[in-house]
Amino acid sequence: MSWTIDDRKLNKTVFRSMPRNVQVKWTLWVEVVLSEGPDALNNYTGFKDEGLTGEWKGCRSSRLSGGYRVIYERTDEALVVKVERVSNHDYKKRS
């Protein structure tokens, strides 16, 4: 089974503005999801992968650093992980 990551919302400018350690952790996050699937994130305690509630219900969050999180939604039917945002722990939903 092969997963795809839809990270169109994470443009190059946003990526370059992230601290280097967050960029490295993002790269590791991508490798884990592509090679083992999003369920495997629970095997890596540093990601502290968890389901979200409220306006982000249905999405999940993985820790990339003390402040940075990747918010994503998984679609089992298409085996796609859709990245909604990578931000400095800001959970306010934007349209």
Protein backbone atom coordinates (compact mmCIF):
# COMPACT_ATOMS: atom_id res chain seq x y z
CA MET A 1 0.00 0.00 0.00
CA SER A 2 1.42 3.36 -1.03
CA TRP A 3 0.55 6.74 0.48
CA THR A 4 0.67 10.16 -1.19
CA ILE A 5 1.19 13.49 0.55
CA ASP A 6 -0.69 16.51 -0.77
CA ASP A 7 1.39 19.39 0.60
CA ARG A 8 0.40 22.10 -1.87
CA LYS A 9 -0.52 24.40 1.03
CA LEU A 10 3.09 24.26 2.23
CA ASN A 11 4.75 26.45 -0.37
CA LYS A 12 8.49 27.03 -0.70
CA THR A 13 8.34 30.40 1.07
CA VAL A 14 6.66 28.89 4.12
CA PHE A 15 9.12 25.99 4.14
CA ARG A 16 12.16 28.27 3.91
CA SER A 17 10.85 30.45 6.74
CA MET A 18 10.70 27.48 9.13
CA PRO A 19 13.70 26.95 11.44
CA ARG A 20 16.21 24.39 10.15
CA ASN A 21 15.37 21.82 12.86
CA VAL A 22 11.69 22.00 11.86
CA GLN A 23 12.60 21.50 8.19
CA VAL A 24 14.59 18.38 9.16
CA LYS A 25 11.72 17.03 11.28
CA TRP A 26 9.25 17.75 8.43
CA THR A 27 11.43 15.72 6.07
CA LEU A 28 11.46 12.83 8.56
CA TRP A 29 7.65 13.12 8.97
CA VAL A 30 7.24 12.83 5.18
CA GLU A 31 9.56 9.80 5.04
CA VAL A 32 7.63 8.01 7.81
CA VAL A 33 4.23 8.66 6.19
CA LEU A 34 5.38 7.62 2.71
CA SER A 35 7.22 4.48 3.81
CA GLU A 36 5.08 3.26 6.73
CA GLY A 37 1.79 5.19 6.52
CA PRO A 38 0.35 7.78 8.91
CA ASP A 39 -0.53 5.20 11.58
CA ALA A 40 3.21 4.64 12.07
CA LEU A 41 3.58 8.19 13.42
CA ASN A 42 2.33 6.81 16.75
CA ASN A 43 5.49 4.67 16.92
CA TYR A 44 7.59 7.84 17.09
CA THR A 45 6.93 9.57 20.42
CA GLY A 46 8.54 12.82 19.28
CA PHE A 47 5.70 13.45 16.84
CA LYS A 48 2.98 13.17 19.53
CA ASP A 49 0.46 12.52 16.77
CA GLU A 50 -3.11 13.13 17.93
CA GLY A 51 -6.62 13.74 16.68
CA LEU A 52 -8.00 17.26 16.89
CA THR A 53 -11.36 18.55 18.07
CA GLY A 54 -13.46 21.65 17.53
CA GLU A 55 -13.16 23.37 14.18
CA TRP A 56 -10.30 20.98 13.25
CA LYS A 57 -12.33 17.84 14.02
CA GLY A 58 -11.41 15.11 11.54
CA CYS A 59 -7.83 16.35 11.25
CA ARG A 60 -4.72 15.24 13.10
CA SER A 61 -1.69 17.09 14.45
CA SER A 62 1.94 15.97 14.65
CA ARG A 63 4.59 17.85 16.61
CA LEU A 64 7.60 18.99 14.60
CA SER A 65 9.17 20.96 17.47
CA GLY A 66 8.15 22.57 20.74
CA GLY A 67 5.97 25.02 18.84
CA TYR A 68 5.59 23.84 15.24
CA ARG A 69 2.84 21.41 14.23
CA VAL A 70 1.75 19.84 10.98
CA ILE A 71 -2.03 19.65 10.73
CA TYR A 72 -3.21 17.04 8.27
CA GLU A 73 -6.21 15.04 7.16
CA ARG A 74 -6.02 11.47 5.93
CA THR A 75 -8.25 10.03 3.25
CA ASP A 76 -8.30 6.23 3.36
CA GLU A 77 -10.10 5.83 0.05
CA ALA A 78 -7.32 7.48 -1.93
CA LEU A 79 -4.50 6.80 0.55
CA VAL A 80 -3.76 10.52 0.66
CA VAL A 81 -2.47 12.61 3.54
CA LYS A 82 -3.56 16.20 2.90
CA VAL A 83 -1.43 18.72 4.78
CA GLU A 84 -3.60 21.62 5.92
CA ARG A 85 -0.94 23.71 7.62
CA VAL A 86 2.50 23.73 9.19
CA SER A 87 2.62 26.53 11.72
CA ASN A 88 3.99 27.71 15.00
CA HIS A 89 1.23 26.08 17.10
CA ASP A 90 -1.55 28.28 15.70
CA TYR A 91 -4.81 26.34 15.55
CA LYS A 92 -7.03 29.20 14.33
CA LYS A 93 -8.63 27.98 11.12
CA ARG A 94 -8.26 30.29 8.14
CA SER A 95 -10.38 30.24 5.01
